[in-house]
Protein backbone atom coordinates (compact mmCIF):
# COMPACT_ATOMS: atom_id res chain seq x y z
CA MET A 1 3.50 -14.98 8.67
CA THR A 2 0.79 -13.02 6.86
CA ASP A 3 0.82 -12.40 3.12
CA PRO A 4 3.68 -9.97 2.29
CA THR A 5 2.07 -8.81 -0.96
CA ASP A 6 1.71 -5.01 -0.91
CA ALA A 7 2.89 -4.95 2.72
CA LEU A 8 3.89 -1.72 4.42
CA LEU A 9 6.59 -3.43 6.48
CA VAL A 10 8.25 -6.83 6.21
CA ALA A 11 10.71 -8.31 8.69
CA ASP A 12 12.39 -11.39 7.22
CA CYS A 13 14.42 -13.75 9.46
CA VAL A 14 15.55 -10.88 11.70
CA ARG A 15 18.21 -11.78 14.25
CA LYS A 16 19.64 -9.68 17.05
CA THR A 17 22.25 -10.73 19.61
CA TYR A 18 23.43 -8.65 22.56
CA HIS A 19 26.96 -9.17 23.86
CA THR A 20 27.44 -8.56 27.58
CA GLY A 21 30.99 -9.43 28.49
CA ALA A 22 31.54 -13.10 27.71
CA GLU A 23 27.80 -13.77 27.48
CA GLU A 24 25.65 -13.64 24.35
CA VAL A 25 21.90 -13.07 24.55
CA GLU A 26 19.82 -13.91 21.50
CA ALA A 27 17.15 -11.20 21.68
CA LEU A 28 15.55 -12.00 18.31
CA ARG A 29 15.73 -15.41 16.66
CA ASP A 30 14.80 -15.44 12.94
CA VAL A 31 11.68 -13.32 13.44
CA ASP A 32 9.26 -12.87 10.54
CA LEU A 33 6.62 -10.13 10.59
CA VAL A 34 4.37 -8.58 7.95
CA VAL A 35 2.44 -5.36 8.57
CA HIS A 36 -0.17 -3.91 6.20
CA ASP A 37 -1.48 -0.36 5.98
CA GLY A 38 -4.10 0.44 8.61
CA GLU A 39 -3.35 -2.40 11.02
CA PHE A 40 -3.38 -1.93 14.78
CA ILE A 41 -1.00 -4.51 16.21
CA SER A 42 -0.13 -5.24 19.83
CA ILE A 43 3.11 -7.01 20.73
CA MET A 44 3.05 -8.73 24.10
CA GLY A 45 5.13 -11.13 26.13
CA PRO A 46 7.07 -11.42 29.39
CA SER A 47 10.06 -9.21 30.19
CA GLY A 48 13.04 -10.25 28.09
CA SER A 49 10.89 -11.82 25.38
CA GLY A 50 12.18 -9.42 22.69
CA LYS A 51 9.22 -7.01 22.35
CA THR A 52 11.09 -3.74 22.54
CA THR A 53 14.04 -5.15 20.62
CA LEU A 54 11.66 -6.06 17.80
CA LEU A 55 10.31 -2.49 17.78
CA ASN A 56 13.80 -1.03 17.77
CA CYS A 57 15.09 -3.31 15.02
CA CYS A 58 12.04 -3.01 12.76
CA SER A 59 12.06 0.78 13.06
CA GLY A 60 15.78 1.01 12.37
CA LEU A 61 16.65 2.42 15.80
CA ASP A 62 18.89 -0.61 16.44
CA GLU A 63 21.14 -2.55 14.08
CA ILE A 64 20.33 -6.17 13.28
CA ASP A 65 22.67 -9.14 13.06
CA GLY A 66 20.85 -10.97 10.30
CA GLY A 67 17.83 -10.89 8.03
CA ARG A 68 16.28 -7.73 6.62
CA VAL A 69 13.55 -5.17 7.30
CA LEU A 70 11.69 -3.61 4.38
CA LEU A 71 9.56 -0.47 4.70
CA ASP A 72 7.65 0.24 1.49
CA GLY A 73 10.14 -2.07 -0.19
CA VAL A 74 13.21 -0.20 1.08
CA ASP A 75 15.74 -2.29 3.04
CA LEU A 76 16.25 -0.09 6.11
CA HIS A 77 19.44 -1.76 7.25
CA SER A 78 21.12 -1.37 3.87
CA LEU A 79 20.88 2.43 4.24
CA SER A 80 23.58 4.65 5.71
CA ASP A 81 22.92 6.00 9.20
CA ALA A 82 22.02 9.40 7.77
CA LYS A 83 19.61 8.00 5.19
CA ARG A 84 18.01 5.66 7.73
CA THR A 85 17.50 8.58 10.11
CA ALA A 86 15.93 10.63 7.31
CA ASN A 87 13.69 7.71 6.35
CA ARG A 88 12.60 7.30 9.96
CA ALA A 89 11.84 11.01 10.28
CA ALA A 90 9.77 10.97 7.10
CA SER A 91 7.94 7.66 7.59
CA MET A 92 7.66 6.88 11.31
CA GLY A 93 6.40 8.31 14.58
CA PHE A 94 7.28 7.16 18.10
CA ILE A 95 5.39 7.22 21.41
CA PHE A 96 7.27 6.27 24.59
CA GLN A 97 6.23 5.55 28.17
CA ALA A 98 8.50 8.30 29.55
CA TYR A 99 7.08 10.96 27.18
CA ASN A 100 10.60 12.31 26.40
CA LEU A 101 9.32 15.88 26.25
CA ILE A 102 11.72 18.82 26.58
CA PRO A 103 10.77 20.53 29.88
CA VAL A 104 11.48 24.11 28.77
CA PHE A 105 9.50 23.76 25.53
CA SER A 106 5.76 24.35 25.25
CA ALA A 107 3.46 21.65 23.93
CA VAL A 108 3.50 23.12 20.43
CA GLU A 109 7.29 23.51 20.49
CA ASN A 110 7.72 19.87 21.53
CA ALA A 111 5.35 18.73 18.79
CA GLU A 112 7.05 20.75 16.08
CA LEU A 113 10.65 19.84 16.98
CA PRO A 114 10.90 16.66 14.82
CA LEU A 115 9.54 18.63 11.86
CA LEU A 116 12.16 21.34 12.28
CA LEU A 117 14.89 18.70 12.55
CA ALA A 118 13.58 17.17 9.32
CA GLY A 119 14.00 20.49 7.55
CA ILE A 120 10.37 21.59 7.44
CA ASP A 121 9.88 25.36 7.19
CA ALA A 122 9.35 26.86 10.66
CA ARG A 123 5.96 28.37 9.82
CA GLU A 124 4.70 25.12 8.30
CA ALA A 125 6.08 23.11 11.24
CA ARG A 126 4.22 25.32 13.70
CA ARG A 127 1.00 25.04 11.68
CA ARG A 128 1.20 21.23 11.54
CA ALA A 129 2.10 20.94 15.23
CA ALA A 130 -0.80 23.17 16.32
CA GLU A 131 -3.22 21.36 14.03
CA THR A 132 -2.15 17.97 15.38
CA LEU A 133 -2.39 19.08 19.01
CA GLU A 134 -5.93 20.28 18.30
CA ARG A 135 -6.66 16.86 16.80
CA VAL A 136 -5.66 15.12 20.04
CA GLY A 137 -7.74 17.46 22.18
CA LEU A 138 -5.13 19.99 23.33
CA ALA A 139 -6.25 23.08 21.43
CA GLY A 140 -6.27 25.08 24.65
CA ARG A 141 -2.90 23.86 25.93
CA LEU A 142 -0.51 24.76 23.07
CA LYS A 143 1.61 27.14 25.15
CA HIS A 144 1.75 25.02 28.30
CA ARG A 145 5.02 23.36 29.28
CA PRO A 146 5.12 19.67 30.32
CA ALA A 147 5.15 20.51 34.06
CA GLU A 148 1.87 22.39 33.57
CA LEU A 149 0.18 19.37 31.95
CA SER A 150 -1.26 16.20 33.47
CA GLY A 151 0.28 12.83 32.63
CA GLY A 152 -2.47 12.13 30.13
CA GLU A 153 -1.99 15.53 28.49
CA GLN A 154 1.76 14.97 28.27
CA GLN A 155 1.16 11.64 26.57
CA ARG A 156 -1.21 13.37 24.14
CA VAL A 157 1.62 15.76 23.29
CA THR A 158 3.84 12.76 22.49
CA VAL A 159 1.05 11.35 20.31
CA ALA A 160 0.80 14.70 18.50
CA ARG A 161 4.58 14.82 18.10
CA ALA A 162 4.48 11.34 16.56
CA LEU A 163 1.67 12.32 14.17
CA ALA A 164 2.83 15.77 13.10
CA GLY A 165 5.17 14.37 10.45
CA ARG A 166 2.30 12.42 8.86
CA PRO A 167 4.05 9.08 9.30
CA ARG A 168 3.31 5.80 7.53
CA VAL A 169 3.52 3.93 10.84
CA VAL A 170 3.58 4.85 14.54
CA TRP A 171 5.49 2.71 17.04
CA ALA A 172 4.43 2.91 20.70
CA ASP A 173 6.45 1.35 23.53
CA GLU A 174 4.32 0.96 26.69
CA PRO A 175 2.34 4.14 25.88
CA THR A 176 0.12 3.81 28.95
CA GLY A 177 2.69 2.42 31.39
CA ALA A 178 3.01 5.66 33.37
CA LEU A 179 -0.72 6.44 33.45
CA ASP A 180 -3.56 5.55 35.80
CA SER A 181 -6.22 3.23 34.39
CA GLU A 182 -8.74 5.95 33.52
CA THR A 183 -6.19 8.13 31.74
CA ALA A 184 -4.73 5.07 30.01
CA GLU A 185 -8.15 4.23 28.60
CA GLN A 186 -8.52 7.80 27.31
CA VAL A 187 -5.17 7.55 25.50
CA MET A 188 -6.09 4.16 24.06
CA GLN A 189 -9.43 5.53 22.88
CA LEU A 190 -7.51 8.27 21.07
CA LEU A 191 -5.23 5.71 19.44
CA ARG A 192 -8.23 3.61 18.39
CA GLU A 193 -9.81 6.68 16.80
CA LEU A 194 -6.59 7.49 14.95
CA ASN A 195 -6.36 3.91 13.74
CA GLY A 196 -9.96 4.19 12.58
CA ASP A 197 -8.80 7.11 10.43
CA GLY A 198 -6.27 4.79 8.79
CA LEU A 199 -3.15 5.21 10.94
CA THR A 200 -0.96 2.10 11.22
CA LEU A 201 -0.09 1.41 14.87
CA ILE A 202 2.29 -1.10 16.43
CA VAL A 203 2.12 -1.07 20.25
CA VAL A 204 4.44 -2.90 22.64
CA THR A 205 2.70 -3.48 25.97
CA HIS A 206 2.51 -5.61 29.12
CA ASP A 207 -1.12 -4.53 29.62
CA GLU A 208 -3.69 -7.13 28.53
CA GLY A 209 -6.32 -4.39 28.21
CA VAL A 210 -4.13 -2.39 25.84
CA GLY A 211 -3.37 -5.54 23.89
CA ALA A 212 -7.08 -6.27 23.54
CA SER A 213 -7.58 -2.84 21.93
CA ALA A 214 -5.65 -3.95 18.87
CA ASN A 215 -7.00 -5.75 15.83
CA ARG A 216 -4.09 -8.18 15.77
CA ALA A 217 -2.19 -9.59 18.73
CA ILE A 218 1.35 -10.91 18.58
CA LYS A 219 2.83 -12.85 21.50
CA MET A 220 6.58 -13.23 21.96
CA ARG A 221 8.71 -15.54 24.05
CA ASP A 222 12.49 -16.03 24.11
CA GLY A 223 13.07 -13.86 21.05
CA ARG A 224 10.46 -15.55 18.87
CA ILE A 225 6.90 -14.84 17.81
CA VAL A 226 4.88 -17.71 19.26
CA ASN A 227 1.38 -16.50 18.40
CA ASP A 228 0.00 -14.08 15.80
CA GLU A 229 -3.76 -13.79 15.49
CA LEU A 230 -6.65 -11.48 14.81
CA VAL A 231 -8.45 -10.29 17.91
CA GLY A 232 -10.92 -7.97 16.17
CA GLY A 233 -12.03 -7.00 12.70
CA ALA A 234 -9.11 -6.70 10.29
CA VAL A 235 -8.38 -3.14 9.21
CA GLY A 236 -7.48 -2.46 5.60
CA GLY A 237 -8.94 -5.70 4.26
CA ALA A 238 -5.62 -7.19 3.08
CA MET A 239 -4.56 -9.17 6.09
CA THR A 240 -5.19 -12.74 7.11
CA SER A 241 -3.49 -14.40 10.01
CA THR A 242 -3.22 -17.77 11.68
CA PRO A 243 -1.78 -18.57 15.08
CA ALA A 244 1.88 -19.58 15.11
CA PRO A 245 2.72 -22.79 16.97
CA THR A 246 3.46 -22.34 20.65
CA LEU A 247 7.05 -23.30 21.46
């Protein structure tokens, strides 16, 4: 595990077990993870290795069965559901493969929705949403609904929605999985540019090309991190990493 000093996020011995009838599946087995400001991390591994479960548990979307997750020193899983939701809205952004856009809303309405739900004034929410959509190259598409946008444009709306709240960290689960290779590269180029501006990104992916875009690559197998190494120049200057032993 990397040095936790001044870390943005620390997962310490996180365990998660799913119960399906009489069967128990250990999805995460004492996982340790440290993330510093400005890192771009890819999480890879075969289906069932625990990648998405790690994202869900470290972001507070799912409960954990053991260990702890600290974001800026706050133990997420010690918070009430309401406080954890508020913390997530204030500190995190999410990008999903399926976009999860509301079909009857325009691009700017989709991007501003999390801000409105977080209690941001409507005028300020609209200003931030429009500004963020312009940042991701959709200045001319603010009033278009999802059905009027290409797949790549829809994913850019989800990126803008994730960024509009000015999060500390953005989690992306297979952000290019529904895109053709050319459009996927355009989205990844956008994410690289945002990371270059200091955004912390944690991307779950099956795509080796997407994984190679990151500065740090984590490999999972059977609910454990089996490799954690730098694959490019470290961002933020605080992080060192060594490969974990392969199980």
